[in-house]
Protein backbone atom coordinates (compact mmCIF):
# COMPACT_ATOMS: atom_id res chain seq x y z
CA MET A 1 -125.26 74.04 13.48
CA ASP A 2 -127.50 72.14 10.45
CA ALA A 3 -125.73 69.77 7.68
CA ILE A 4 -126.18 72.46 4.64
CA GLN A 5 -124.23 74.78 7.88
CA LYS A 6 -121.93 72.55 8.20
CA ASN A 7 -121.12 72.32 4.27
CA LEU A 8 -120.73 75.77 4.67
CA LEU A 9 -118.03 75.98 7.34
CA GLU A 10 -115.89 72.75 5.92
CA GLN A 11 -116.07 75.02 2.04
CA ILE A 12 -114.73 78.09 3.54
CA THR A 13 -112.57 77.19 6.27
CA GLU A 14 -111.92 73.37 5.38
CA LEU A 15 -112.86 72.87 9.01
CA HIS A 16 -115.32 69.63 9.37
CA GLU A 17 -115.76 70.29 12.79
CA VAL A 18 -115.75 73.32 15.14
CA THR A 19 -111.77 73.84 15.92
CA GLN A 20 -110.17 73.69 19.09
CA GLY A 21 -108.64 77.17 19.54
CA ALA A 22 -110.10 81.02 19.31
CA TYR A 23 -112.97 81.12 16.92
CA ASN A 24 -116.14 82.94 16.61
CA ILE A 25 -119.28 81.45 14.23
CA ARG A 26 -121.72 83.28 12.78
CA ALA A 27 -124.88 82.11 11.30
CA ASN A 28 -128.19 83.80 10.00
CA GLY A 29 -126.96 87.29 11.53
CA SER A 30 -125.97 85.42 15.44
CA SER A 31 -123.20 84.08 16.96
CA VAL A 32 -123.34 80.37 17.54
CA GLY A 33 -120.06 79.75 18.90
CA ARG A 34 -117.40 81.78 20.43
CA ASN A 35 -114.29 80.50 22.08
CA SER A 36 -111.32 82.46 23.71
CA THR A 37 -107.97 81.46 24.72
CA ALA A 38 -105.49 82.74 26.87
CA HIS A 39 -104.19 85.13 23.79
CA ILE A 40 -106.57 85.45 21.69
CA GLU A 41 -109.91 87.69 23.11
CA ILE A 42 -113.24 87.94 20.99
CA VAL A 43 -115.25 90.62 22.38
CA SER A 44 -118.87 91.88 20.85
CA LYS A 45 -119.12 95.22 19.91
CA GLU A 46 -121.73 97.07 22.26
CA ASP A 47 -122.10 99.87 19.48
CA LYS A 48 -122.68 97.89 16.05
CA GLN A 49 -122.86 94.28 14.45
CA GLY A 50 -119.13 92.72 14.65
CA ILE A 51 -116.31 91.55 17.22
CA ASP A 52 -113.01 92.62 18.57
CA ILE A 53 -109.97 90.57 17.95
CA TYR A 54 -107.36 91.31 20.63
CA ILE A 55 -104.52 89.30 19.84
CA LYS A 56 -101.60 89.58 23.02
CA PRO A 57 -97.61 90.70 22.17
CA GLY A 58 -95.64 87.88 21.63
CA THR A 59 -98.42 85.62 20.56
CA LYS A 60 -97.22 82.89 18.47
CA LYS A 61 -98.19 79.84 15.96
CA GLU A 62 -102.17 80.33 16.69
CA SER A 63 -104.60 80.55 14.44
CA VAL A 64 -108.31 81.92 15.21
CA HIS A 65 -111.79 81.77 12.68
CA ILE A 66 -114.58 83.89 11.99
CA PRO A 67 -116.74 82.36 9.30
CA VAL A 68 -119.78 83.78 8.46
CA LEU A 69 -122.95 81.51 7.34
CA LEU A 70 -126.34 82.48 5.84
CA SER A 71 -128.79 79.92 5.08
CA GLN A 72 -132.20 82.04 5.12
CA SER A 73 -133.52 83.06 2.37
CA GLY A 74 -134.20 86.71 1.92
CA LEU A 75 -131.14 87.42 5.29
CA LYS A 76 -128.99 90.80 4.95
CA GLU A 77 -126.80 91.98 7.43
CA MET A 78 -123.36 94.09 7.96
CA VAL A 79 -120.87 93.17 10.24
CA TYR A 80 -117.70 94.85 11.76
CA ASN A 81 -115.01 92.67 12.18
CA ASP A 82 -111.85 94.85 14.09
CA PHE A 83 -108.46 92.75 14.48
CA HIS A 84 -106.17 94.28 17.33
CA ILE A 85 -102.86 92.15 16.73
CA GLY A 86 -100.31 92.85 19.01
CA GLU A 87 -96.45 93.63 19.05
CA ASP A 88 -93.99 90.42 17.37
CA CYS A 89 -97.03 87.88 16.53
CA ASP A 90 -97.25 85.50 14.28
CA VAL A 91 -100.76 84.31 13.59
CA LEU A 92 -103.24 82.69 10.48
CA ILE A 93 -106.58 84.25 10.40
CA VAL A 94 -109.20 82.31 8.39
CA ALA A 95 -112.81 84.31 7.98
CA GLY A 96 -114.69 83.96 5.00
CA CYS A 97 -118.57 83.52 3.95
CA GLY A 98 -120.56 80.81 2.78
CA ILE A 99 -124.45 81.36 1.62
CA HIS A 100 -126.69 78.57 0.60
CA ASN A 101 -129.78 80.28 -0.62
CA GLY A 102 -132.44 77.44 -1.78
CA GLY A 103 -134.86 81.00 -1.70
CA ASP A 104 -136.50 83.25 -4.36
CA GLN A 105 -134.84 85.99 -2.25
CA LYS A 106 -132.09 87.95 -2.30
CA SER A 107 -129.20 87.19 0.67
CA GLN A 108 -126.58 89.21 1.41
CA HIS A 109 -123.44 89.61 3.32
CA ASP A 110 -121.71 93.01 3.85
CA GLY A 111 -118.65 92.70 6.29
CA VAL A 112 -115.81 95.42 6.97
CA HIS A 113 -112.82 93.87 8.20
CA THR A 114 -110.46 96.13 10.12
CA PHE A 115 -106.28 95.29 10.68
CA TYR A 116 -104.23 97.35 12.92
CA ILE A 117 -100.70 95.32 13.06
CA GLY A 118 -98.15 95.80 15.22
CA LYS A 119 -94.62 96.48 14.69
CA ASN A 120 -92.37 93.13 14.22
CA SER A 121 -95.48 90.78 13.24
CA LYS A 122 -96.88 88.38 10.72
CA VAL A 123 -100.10 87.64 9.97
CA ARG A 124 -102.12 85.62 7.67
CA TYR A 125 -105.00 85.94 6.23
CA VAL A 126 -107.38 83.55 4.44
CA GLU A 127 -110.77 84.58 2.83
CA LYS A 128 -112.81 82.69 1.22
CA HIS A 129 -116.45 82.97 -0.17
CA TYR A 130 -118.51 80.57 -1.61
CA GLY A 131 -122.18 80.51 -2.75
CA SER A 132 -124.49 77.47 -3.02
CA GLY A 133 -128.38 76.08 -3.38
CA ASP A 134 -130.76 75.86 -5.91
CA GLY A 135 -133.13 78.95 -5.82
CA ASN A 136 -133.69 81.91 -7.63
CA GLY A 137 -132.55 84.11 -4.93
CA GLU A 138 -129.34 85.63 -5.71
CA ARG A 139 -126.46 85.10 -3.41
CA ILE A 140 -124.34 88.52 -2.65
CA MET A 141 -121.04 89.06 -0.95
CA ASN A 142 -119.30 92.45 -0.46
CA PRO A 143 -116.27 92.43 1.61
CA GLU A 144 -113.90 95.11 2.67
CA THR A 145 -110.79 94.73 4.21
CA VAL A 146 -108.69 97.46 5.80
CA VAL A 147 -105.10 97.08 6.80
CA HIS A 148 -103.13 99.68 8.77
CA MET A 149 -99.51 98.23 9.37
CA GLU A 150 -96.32 99.24 11.41
CA GLU A 151 -92.94 99.32 11.59
CA ASN A 152 -91.22 95.75 10.12
CA SER A 153 -95.01 94.08 10.06
CA TYR A 154 -95.95 91.64 7.12
CA MET A 155 -99.36 90.60 6.36
CA GLU A 156 -100.61 87.56 3.30
CA MET A 157 -103.54 87.57 2.21
CA GLU A 158 -104.93 85.14 0.36
CA THR A 159 -108.44 85.76 -1.11
CA VAL A 160 -110.10 83.43 -2.82
CA GLN A 161 -113.78 82.49 -4.58
CA ILE A 162 -114.10 80.26 -7.12
CA ARG A 163 -118.03 79.71 -7.30
CA GLY A 164 -121.33 80.17 -6.05
CA VAL A 165 -121.19 83.89 -5.78
CA ASP A 166 -123.48 86.45 -8.13
CA SER A 167 -122.23 89.50 -7.08
CA THR A 168 -118.95 91.43 -5.02
CA ASN A 169 -117.75 93.99 -4.78
CA ARG A 170 -114.32 93.20 -2.88
CA ILE A 171 -112.34 96.67 -1.41
CA THR A 172 -108.74 96.18 0.19
CA LYS A 173 -106.92 99.93 1.56
CA ALA A 174 -104.20 99.38 3.29
CA ASP A 175 -101.13 101.70 4.81
CA LEU A 176 -98.18 100.57 5.25
CA LEU A 177 -94.96 102.34 7.55
CA ASP A 178 -91.09 101.74 7.40
CA GLY A 179 -89.99 98.05 6.95
CA ALA A 180 -93.75 96.72 6.89
CA THR A 181 -94.72 94.39 3.68
CA LEU A 182 -98.13 93.68 2.30
CA VAL A 183 -98.14 90.51 -0.26
CA VAL A 184 -102.10 89.72 -1.88
CA LYS A 185 -102.66 86.99 -3.75
CA GLU A 186 -106.61 87.01 -5.50
CA LYS A 187 -108.13 83.81 -7.57
CA LEU A 188 -111.40 84.96 -8.79
CA MET A 189 -113.97 82.71 -10.79
CA THR A 190 -117.06 83.69 -12.14
CA HIS A 191 -119.61 82.13 -14.91
CA GLY A 192 -123.46 82.15 -15.91
CA ASN A 193 -123.90 85.92 -15.50
CA GLN A 194 -122.00 87.07 -12.22
CA TYR A 195 -120.29 89.66 -11.41
CA ALA A 196 -117.24 90.48 -9.51
CA LYS A 197 -115.40 93.97 -8.98
CA THR A 198 -112.34 93.77 -7.25
CA SER A 199 -110.62 97.14 -5.79
CA PHE A 200 -107.23 97.51 -4.21
CA GLU A 201 -105.51 100.18 -2.86
CA VAL A 202 -101.98 100.34 -1.41
CA ASP A 203 -100.48 103.40 0.53
CA LEU A 204 -96.09 102.94 0.87
CA ASN A 205 -96.54 105.32 3.41
CA GLY A 206 -92.45 104.31 5.14
CA GLU A 207 -89.55 103.95 3.94
CA ASN A 208 -88.69 100.66 2.68
CA SER A 209 -92.30 99.62 2.74
CA GLY A 210 -93.51 97.07 -0.33
CA THR A 211 -96.38 95.39 -1.35
CA ASN A 212 -97.15 92.67 -3.83
CA VAL A 213 -100.50 92.46 -5.66
CA ILE A 214 -101.49 89.39 -7.74
CA SER A 215 -104.92 88.05 -9.32
CA ARG A 216 -105.83 85.23 -11.45
CA ALA A 217 -108.09 85.22 -12.36
CA VAL A 218 -111.20 83.20 -14.76
CA ALA A 219 -114.29 84.86 -16.68
CA ARG A 220 -116.92 82.03 -18.41
CA ASP A 221 -120.22 82.33 -20.15
CA ASN A 222 -121.74 85.45 -19.60
CA SER A 223 -119.79 86.99 -16.37
CA ARG A 224 -118.42 90.39 -15.75
CA GLN A 225 -114.94 91.01 -13.62
CA GLU A 226 -113.25 94.29 -13.32
CA PHE A 227 -109.61 94.54 -11.60
CA PHE A 228 -108.37 98.04 -10.02
CA ALA A 229 -105.23 97.96 -8.23
CA LYS A 230 -103.87 101.27 -7.16
CA ILE A 231 -100.16 101.79 -5.45
CA ASN A 232 -99.11 104.75 -4.02
CA GLY A 233 -95.14 105.65 -3.75
CA ASN A 234 -94.66 107.63 -1.24
CA GLN A 235 -91.42 106.68 0.55
CA LYS A 236 -88.53 105.14 -0.91
CA CYS A 237 -90.76 102.03 -1.73
CA SER A 238 -90.70 98.72 -3.49
CA GLY A 239 -94.22 98.06 -5.02
CA HIS A 240 -95.61 95.62 -8.07
CA SER A 241 -99.33 94.70 -9.19
CA GLU A 242 -100.53 91.61 -11.43
CA CYS A 243 -103.61 90.90 -12.67
CA ASP A 244 -103.49 87.78 -15.05
CA ALA A 245 -107.19 86.35 -16.30
CA ILE A 246 -108.26 84.18 -18.76
CA ILE A 247 -111.50 84.96 -20.43
CA MET A 248 -114.25 82.40 -21.96
CA ASP A 249 -117.27 81.90 -23.84
CA GLN A 250 -119.15 85.40 -24.08
CA ALA A 251 -117.33 86.83 -21.10
CA LYS A 252 -115.96 90.51 -20.18
CA ILE A 253 -113.27 91.09 -18.19
CA SER A 254 -111.24 95.12 -17.71
CA ALA A 255 -107.84 94.95 -15.74
CA ILE A 256 -107.35 98.38 -14.38
CA PRO A 257 -104.08 98.53 -12.63
CA GLU A 258 -102.25 102.36 -11.59
CA ILE A 259 -99.43 103.50 -9.78
CA THR A 260 -98.16 106.62 -8.32
CA ALA A 261 -94.59 107.51 -7.52
CA ASN A 262 -94.54 110.52 -5.10
CA HIS A 263 -90.96 110.14 -4.42
CA LEU A 264 -87.37 109.53 -6.34
CA ASP A 265 -87.01 106.29 -4.54
CA ALA A 266 -90.46 105.27 -5.64
CA ALA A 267 -90.25 102.19 -7.73
CA LEU A 268 -93.69 100.86 -8.90
CA ILE A 269 -94.65 97.83 -11.56
CA HIS A 270 -98.07 97.41 -13.44
CA GLU A 271 -98.71 94.42 -15.17
CA ALA A 272 -101.72 93.15 -16.77
CA ALA A 273 -103.27 90.08 -19.07
CA ILE A 274 -106.03 89.01 -20.25
CA GLY A 275 -106.59 86.13 -22.77
CA LYS A 276 -107.96 82.95 -24.13
CA ILE A 277 -106.80 79.53 -23.36
CA ALA A 278 -104.14 77.91 -26.20
CA GLY A 279 -105.84 75.62 -28.46
CA ASP A 280 -102.27 73.56 -28.33
CA GLN A 281 -103.00 73.52 -24.68
CA ILE A 282 -105.92 71.84 -24.91
CA ILE A 283 -104.83 69.68 -27.60
CA LYS A 284 -101.61 68.65 -26.39
CA LEU A 285 -103.70 67.34 -23.05
CA MET A 286 -106.10 65.71 -25.08
CA THR A 287 -103.02 63.56 -26.40
CA LEU A 288 -102.45 62.25 -23.23
CA GLY A 289 -106.40 60.97 -22.96
CA LEU A 290 -108.05 63.51 -21.47
CA THR A 291 -111.68 64.79 -23.58
CA GLU A 292 -111.86 68.80 -24.72
CA ALA A 293 -113.64 69.93 -21.05
CA GLU A 294 -111.37 67.41 -18.99
CA ALA A 295 -108.23 69.23 -20.58
CA GLU A 296 -109.90 73.05 -20.59
CA ALA A 297 -111.00 71.71 -16.58
CA GLN A 298 -107.36 70.64 -15.81
CA ILE A 299 -105.69 73.95 -16.98
CA ILE A 300 -107.96 76.24 -15.24
CA ASN A 301 -107.31 74.51 -11.75
CA GLY A 302 -103.00 75.01 -12.69
CA PHE A 303 -103.85 78.42 -14.10
CA LEU A 304 -106.03 78.90 -10.27
CA LYS A 305 -103.32 76.96 -8.02
C-alpha cells in the first residue's frame, strides 16, 4: 500500500499497520492482503466479487477487519461480503470504505454485507466511511447491510460518516427471532453539496425480540439528508427509533420514522427532533474563551460522540 492508502486504512479502521488477526484488505478493486486464523476463515467468492467469512462456533474475543480502499479516480465496483457466524460467539467485525479522489472522474464503491448470526452469539460491527482528495470527481458510497439473527443473538452496529463523501444511500435490513436484540448507532455529518440517505427496516419476528435504532446527524452548508426508520412488530417485542439532527446554514433534513404493530404485545416507540444550535450554548462557551467557530465545533463534536 502507498501512503494515501495507508492513511485511508487508518481513518476507517484506526489501524496504523496491518492487524495480526483475521483480515482482508481490498484496494482499487483487488485484494492486497488476507489472513485467516484458526477460528476465522476468509474465502473468495467464485460467482461474484466479494468474500465469505466463516466464524466457527464458540469463537470468543477475536476480530476480523475487512476495509475497502479506493485511490484510483474513476473506479466503480460492487462487492458482496457474507458473514457466517456460528453459535455462542463473541466477535468484533470492522469494515468500512475510504475513497481518495484526486481526479475528475467519479469514484464509487457499492457493497452488500449479509450477516447470518447464530444462536446466543454476540457481534459488534463497526463501519466507517471516509473521503479525501482535492479532485473534482465525486466520492460515492452505497452500503447495504442485511442481518439475519437467530434466537438470543445480539448485534451492535456502529456506522460513522463524518466527512468527504459526496453521495451515499445507506440501507439496513434485519429480521430477528426469539430473544434477539439489534442496536444501531449512526453518526453522520454532511457539508457542501453532499447528499445522504439512510434507511432502516427491522422485522421483529420473534417473541421478546427488540431493537433500538439511534441516529445523530449534522447537516451543514447546502447539504441534504433523508432518514427513514421502519420497525415492524410481528410478535411480543419492543422497538425504538430515534433521530436527532442539527441543521445549519442552508441545509435540509427530513426524518421519517414508521412503526407498525402487527401483534397485541408489540411495544414500539419512535422519536425525531431537528433543530439548530441554541444561541445560549454558543455564548456560554465563548465566555470561557472560545471563538464562535470553536464553540460551534465543540458542540457538534459532543453531539456526535
